Amino acid sequence: MVTLENFSPSKFLNARAEHGGVLTGHWEFDLALFMTLLAVVAYSFLLPVDAPRGIGRAVIWTMAALFFAGALALAVFGFRNL
């Protein structure tokens, strides 16, 4: 129990995350969240009416799928390291 007598702000200011991640404390999960965001951004280029056709569409689909697969792989890697 923290009371006024044994309260030390340095205990709270020097707290470190276990693996150094900014959001979750684990860099694997932070990178997986970022790659999921990149997959959504890549996929959003297919939504407008003037979206690319042909090889451009295939490149966008491939990039979105690779970002999402990478996010899944990092999440699995992160769960294995818990």
Protein backbone atom coordinates (compact mmCIF):
# COMPACT_ATOMS: atom_id res chain seq x y z
CA MET A 1 0.00 0.00 0.00
CA VAL A 2 1.37 3.41 -0.95
CA THR A 3 1.17 6.02 1.77
CA LEU A 4 2.50 9.54 1.94
CA GLU A 5 5.48 8.37 3.99
CA ASN A 6 6.74 5.76 1.49
CA PHE A 7 5.59 7.47 -1.73
CA SER A 8 8.40 8.05 -4.19
CA PRO A 9 7.69 9.56 -7.62
CA SER A 10 10.87 8.00 -8.99
CA LYS A 11 9.24 4.56 -8.74
CA PHE A 12 6.67 5.64 -11.30
CA LEU A 13 8.93 7.76 -13.51
CA ASN A 14 11.53 5.02 -14.01
CA ALA A 15 9.07 2.32 -15.05
CA ARG A 16 10.19 0.48 -18.17
CA ALA A 17 8.27 -1.67 -20.59
CA GLU A 18 9.33 -5.30 -20.69
CA HIS A 19 10.50 -5.38 -24.30
CA GLY A 20 10.53 -1.67 -25.11
CA GLY A 21 7.29 -1.35 -27.09
CA VAL A 22 5.61 2.04 -27.15
CA LEU A 23 1.94 1.02 -27.15
CA THR A 24 1.75 -2.47 -25.72
CA GLY A 25 5.14 -2.94 -24.08
CA HIS A 26 6.15 -5.54 -26.65
CA TRP A 27 7.76 -4.44 -29.91
CA GLU A 28 6.27 -7.41 -31.78
CA PHE A 29 2.71 -6.36 -31.04
CA ASP A 30 3.43 -2.70 -31.77
CA LEU A 31 4.88 -3.62 -35.16
CA ALA A 32 1.94 -5.97 -35.84
CA LEU A 33 -0.51 -3.13 -35.13
CA PHE A 34 1.44 -0.82 -37.43
CA MET A 35 1.53 -3.41 -40.21
CA THR A 36 -2.23 -3.93 -39.85
CA LEU A 37 -2.66 -0.18 -40.29
CA LEU A 38 -0.45 -0.30 -43.39
CA ALA A 39 -2.56 -3.17 -44.78
CA VAL A 40 -5.72 -1.10 -44.32
CA VAL A 41 -4.10 1.93 -45.95
CA ALA A 42 -2.89 -0.16 -48.90
CA TYR A 43 -6.33 -1.73 -49.31
CA SER A 44 -7.99 1.71 -49.17
CA PHE A 45 -6.38 2.56 -52.52
CA LEU A 46 -8.72 -0.01 -54.11
CA LEU A 47 -11.89 1.64 -52.83
CA PRO A 48 -12.20 4.80 -55.00
CA VAL A 49 -13.99 4.68 -58.32
CA ASP A 50 -10.78 5.59 -60.16
CA ALA A 51 -8.77 2.79 -58.53
CA PRO A 52 -6.08 1.23 -60.71
CA ARG A 53 -6.92 -1.71 -62.93
CA GLY A 54 -4.87 -4.68 -64.03
CA ILE A 55 -1.35 -5.00 -62.66
CA GLY A 56 -1.80 -1.98 -60.36
CA ARG A 57 -4.70 -3.67 -58.61
CA ALA A 58 -2.69 -6.88 -58.25
CA VAL A 59 0.23 -4.97 -56.73
CA ILE A 60 -2.06 -3.26 -54.20
CA TRP A 61 -3.73 -6.56 -53.27
CA THR A 62 -0.31 -8.18 -52.87
CA MET A 63 1.00 -5.38 -50.66
CA ALA A 64 -2.10 -5.43 -48.44
CA ALA A 65 -1.93 -9.22 -48.13
CA LEU A 66 1.80 -9.17 -47.31
CA PHE A 67 1.36 -6.50 -44.64
CA PHE A 68 -1.50 -8.47 -43.09
CA ALA A 69 0.41 -11.77 -43.21
CA GLY A 70 3.43 -10.07 -41.66
CA ALA A 71 1.22 -8.68 -38.88
CA LEU A 72 -0.15 -12.15 -38.17
CA ALA A 73 3.35 -13.63 -38.11
CA LEU A 74 4.58 -10.94 -35.71
CA ALA A 75 1.57 -11.48 -33.45
CA VAL A 76 2.30 -15.22 -33.30
CA PHE A 77 5.97 -14.48 -32.63
CA GLY A 78 4.95 -12.07 -29.88
CA PHE A 79 2.66 -14.61 -28.21
CA ARG A 80 5.45 -17.18 -28.24
CA ASN A 81 7.73 -14.75 -26.39
CA LEU A 82 5.28 -13.95 -23.58
